[in-house]
Amino acid sequence: MNSGLKSQFLVAVPQLVGPFFTKSVVLILDNDDEGSTGIILNHPTEHTLSEINESLKSSRRKKDRLFIGGPVEPSAAIIIHDDTYQGPDTKPITDGVAWSASLESMQVMAESESLPFRCFLGYAGWASKQLEDEIAKGSWLLNPMNPEMIYTHQPENMWKTVLNEMGLDPLSIGPGAFD
């Protein structure tokens, strides 16, 4: 079992283009011999939590934005959250961060005023060794996860911020950085 990529930030290089991964920062949820699973953290939508289910329309956090988590199962809602919440479906990512996917968990979190969480639709998936090959070919950079970055109030700036934290100027790693 290879879990070395789990809980890392996967940062797209400027040359990686496409509807989902351009300037993306992906949190790796799982990485093993069967493949890898991640959530794109920095692609907000105009939709809100209240649109997922009727039971969320009157919740405290009903106006929280939804994010595109990736191209796989775009109707599946996945919640990345502080690990102080532990529901029946909660899975750890690393100390302080976990993920859940049940409506029950979403309902509980949507009533919390203080629990950090973010809801994503869909996820990113790679076949066995596919992600490792893409990293080796230079499509992605790896950076240790910064839990605070997951809940940033400026998700649109996350890609550039993470690159800056890595000591990289987007322009220095190739064309496409500000196209």
Foldseek 3Di string as FASTA:
>chain_A
DDFPQFQKWKAFALVDDDDPRHRWIWHWHGQDQFWTKTFTQQAWDCAFPCVLDVLLVPFQRRRATEGAGDDAQQNFKKKKWFVVDDDPAWDDRDHGIIMGGDPVSVNVVSNDPPTDMHIHGGIDIDGGCRVVVCVVVPRIDIGRDDVVLSRDPNSNCSSCVVCVVVVHHSVVRHPNSVD
